[in-house]
């Protein structure tokens, strides 16, 4: 999706701008769902079995990206600030992925057995189905606040998505 967004940078037609906004919304939905699942399930395990510092760094990465998503969500696809925020988001996410894949996940594989990691992955995928779809930067990126706010935020987000047609391919 990032590649498609980059190819549509500076889109000149209404159709291309609309596509860019649709893809950006889909990226937002997927990133928020993924981030909340990681914050609640994965980082708790990292904190307990790997390193509190690694879990905290990952949470801070998520908080920064969520702020960017929140600013981006308020902009029109033809606004030059949209491209700036989108570029910031892609840089933040790519750096975060590199850190997770290069360090955190390697450390997890050293201390958590393969079967437990598979179960954790399945729990993450199931959790994402009920997670919020919009950024909520004022909710702390800790398991308890995310769990407490999650159901209401998710319901509200999904109702807004239905009302606006956000996240659909129509």
Protein backbone atom coordinates (compact mmCIF):
# COMPACT_ATOMS: atom_id res chain seq x y z
CA UNK A 1 0.00 0.00 0.00
CA UNK A 2 2.90 2.36 0.70
CA UNK A 3 4.20 1.81 -2.83
CA UNK A 4 0.81 2.73 -4.28
CA UNK A 5 0.62 5.81 -2.07
CA UNK A 6 4.08 6.89 -3.21
CA UNK A 7 3.09 6.41 -6.85
CA UNK A 8 0.11 8.72 -6.29
CA UNK A 9 2.13 11.49 -4.62
CA UNK A 10 1.17 14.86 -6.06
CA UNK A 11 -1.87 13.31 -7.74
CA UNK A 12 -3.42 15.83 -10.13
CA UNK A 13 -6.81 14.30 -10.92
CA UNK A 14 -9.78 14.00 -8.60
CA UNK A 15 -9.82 10.25 -9.23
CA UNK A 16 -6.14 9.85 -8.26
CA UNK A 17 -6.58 12.04 -5.15
CA UNK A 18 -9.64 10.04 -4.15
CA UNK A 19 -7.72 6.78 -4.60
CA UNK A 20 -4.84 8.19 -2.56
CA UNK A 21 -7.21 9.12 0.29
CA UNK A 22 -8.88 5.68 0.13
CA UNK A 23 -5.53 3.86 0.31
CA UNK A 24 -4.35 6.16 3.11
CA UNK A 25 -7.53 5.36 5.05
CA UNK A 26 -6.96 1.64 4.53
CA UNK A 27 -3.35 2.03 5.74
CA UNK A 28 -4.66 3.87 8.80
CA UNK A 29 -7.18 1.14 9.57
CA UNK A 30 -4.60 -1.63 9.24
CA UNK A 31 -1.89 0.22 11.18
CA UNK A 32 -4.20 1.10 14.08
CA UNK A 33 -5.55 -2.44 14.35
CA UNK A 34 -2.05 -3.91 14.18
CA UNK A 35 -0.58 -1.39 16.64
CA UNK A 36 -3.25 -1.92 19.29
CA UNK A 37 -2.86 -5.71 19.04
CA UNK A 38 0.90 -5.39 19.44
CA UNK A 39 0.55 -3.00 22.37
CA UNK A 40 -1.86 -5.25 24.23
CA UNK A 41 -0.43 -8.68 23.41
CA UNK A 42 3.09 -8.58 22.02
CA UNK A 43 4.73 -5.80 23.98
CA UNK A 44 3.49 -7.26 27.25
CA UNK A 45 5.44 -10.42 26.39
CA UNK A 46 8.46 -8.42 25.28
CA UNK A 47 8.39 -6.45 28.52
CA UNK A 48 8.12 -9.64 30.60
CA UNK A 49 10.53 -11.92 28.73
CA UNK A 50 12.86 -9.74 26.64
CA UNK A 51 13.36 -6.15 27.72
CA UNK A 52 11.25 -3.39 29.22
CA UNK A 53 13.33 -0.87 27.26
CA UNK A 54 12.53 -2.54 23.92
CA UNK A 55 8.81 -2.63 24.73
CA UNK A 56 8.87 1.03 25.78
CA UNK A 57 10.72 2.10 22.62
CA UNK A 58 8.16 0.26 20.47
CA UNK A 59 5.29 1.92 22.34
CA UNK A 60 6.87 5.33 21.77
CA UNK A 61 7.21 4.53 18.06
CA UNK A 62 3.51 3.68 17.98
CA UNK A 63 2.58 6.86 19.84
CA UNK A 64 4.47 8.97 17.30
CA UNK A 65 2.88 7.19 14.36
CA UNK A 66 -0.56 7.54 15.93
CA UNK A 67 -0.07 11.30 16.26
CA UNK A 68 0.90 11.43 12.57
CA UNK A 69 -2.14 9.33 11.61
CA UNK A 70 -4.39 11.63 13.60
CA UNK A 71 -3.07 14.74 11.84
CA UNK A 72 -3.23 13.05 8.44
CA UNK A 73 -6.81 11.88 8.95
CA UNK A 74 -7.95 15.52 9.20
CA UNK A 75 -6.45 16.55 5.85
CA UNK A 76 -7.76 16.34 2.29
CA UNK A 77 -5.73 14.25 -0.13
CA UNK A 78 -5.00 17.33 -2.27
CA UNK A 79 -3.59 19.33 0.66
CA UNK A 80 0.24 19.53 0.41
CA UNK A 81 0.37 18.88 4.17
CA UNK A 82 -1.23 15.47 3.49
CA UNK A 83 1.81 14.44 1.44
CA UNK A 84 4.13 15.70 4.17
CA UNK A 85 2.30 13.78 6.90
CA UNK A 86 2.11 10.68 4.73
CA UNK A 87 5.87 10.83 4.07
CA UNK A 88 6.45 11.19 7.82
CA UNK A 89 4.21 8.21 8.53
CA UNK A 90 5.92 5.98 5.99
CA UNK A 91 9.34 6.91 7.38
CA UNK A 92 8.18 6.22 10.96
CA UNK A 93 6.62 2.87 10.08
CA UNK A 94 9.53 1.66 7.97
CA UNK A 95 11.97 2.53 10.75
CA UNK A 96 9.76 0.82 13.33
CA UNK A 97 9.49 -2.33 11.20
CA UNK A 98 13.27 -2.42 10.72
CA UNK A 99 13.80 -2.16 14.49
CA UNK A 100 11.22 -4.82 15.29
CA UNK A 101 12.41 -7.27 12.65
CA UNK A 102 16.08 -6.57 13.24
CA UNK A 103 16.08 -6.62 17.03
CA UNK A 104 12.89 -7.25 18.95
CA UNK A 105 11.64 -10.28 17.04
CA UNK A 106 15.12 -11.82 17.06
CA UNK A 107 15.27 -11.38 20.83
CA UNK A 108 11.77 -12.87 21.18
CA UNK A 109 12.82 -15.95 19.19
CA UNK A 110 15.72 -16.44 21.62
CA UNK A 111 13.53 -16.59 24.74
CA UNK A 112 10.06 -17.66 23.57
CA UNK A 113 9.58 -21.08 22.01
CA UNK A 114 8.21 -21.45 18.50
CA UNK A 115 4.86 -22.90 19.57
CA UNK A 116 4.23 -20.00 21.97
CA UNK A 117 5.15 -17.50 19.25
CA UNK A 118 2.68 -19.13 16.85
CA UNK A 119 -0.07 -18.93 19.47
CA UNK A 120 0.80 -15.29 20.11
CA UNK A 121 0.59 -14.59 16.37
CA UNK A 122 -2.85 -16.22 16.19
CA UNK A 123 -4.03 -14.16 19.17
CA UNK A 124 -2.77 -10.98 17.49
CA UNK A 125 -4.68 -11.79 14.29
CA UNK A 126 -7.89 -12.53 16.25
CA UNK A 127 -7.49 -9.36 18.35
CA UNK A 128 -7.09 -7.19 15.25
CA UNK A 129 -10.60 -8.14 14.11
CA UNK A 130 -12.10 -6.32 17.10
CA UNK A 131 -9.55 -3.51 17.47
CA UNK A 132 -10.24 0.17 16.82
CA UNK A 133 -9.81 1.41 13.24
CA UNK A 134 -8.91 5.05 13.91
CA UNK A 135 -6.06 6.64 15.82
CA UNK A 136 -6.70 7.50 19.46
CA UNK A 137 -3.51 9.32 20.43
CA UNK A 138 -4.86 10.33 23.85
CA UNK A 139 -5.20 6.73 25.03
CA UNK A 140 -1.88 5.58 26.54
CA UNK A 141 -0.15 2.84 24.54
CA UNK A 142 -0.21 0.44 27.48
CA UNK A 143 -2.20 -2.82 27.69
CA UNK A 144 -4.66 -1.84 30.45
CA UNK A 145 -5.76 1.53 28.99
CA UNK A 146 -5.97 0.01 25.49
CA UNK A 147 -8.07 -2.89 26.78
CA UNK A 148 -10.32 -0.56 28.77
CA UNK A 149 -10.89 1.89 25.91
CA UNK A 150 -10.77 -0.66 23.10
CA UNK A 151 -14.35 -1.95 22.90
CA UNK A 152 -15.95 1.49 23.00
CA UNK A 153 -13.38 3.01 20.64
CA UNK A 154 -13.75 0.10 18.24
CA UNK A 155 -17.55 0.32 18.22
CA UNK A 156 -17.49 4.09 17.73
CA UNK A 157 -14.83 3.81 14.98
CA UNK A 158 -16.71 1.14 13.11
CA UNK A 159 -19.99 3.04 13.30
CA UNK A 160 -18.23 6.14 11.92
CA UNK A 161 -16.65 3.96 9.20
CA UNK A 162 -20.05 2.58 8.20
CA UNK A 163 -21.66 6.03 8.19
CA UNK A 164 -18.91 7.52 6.02
CA UNK A 165 -18.14 4.51 3.83
CA UNK A 166 -14.53 4.60 5.08
CA UNK A 167 -12.55 1.44 4.49
CA UNK A 168 -14.83 0.07 1.80
CA UNK A 169 -13.85 -0.51 -1.79
CA UNK A 170 -17.08 1.08 -3.10
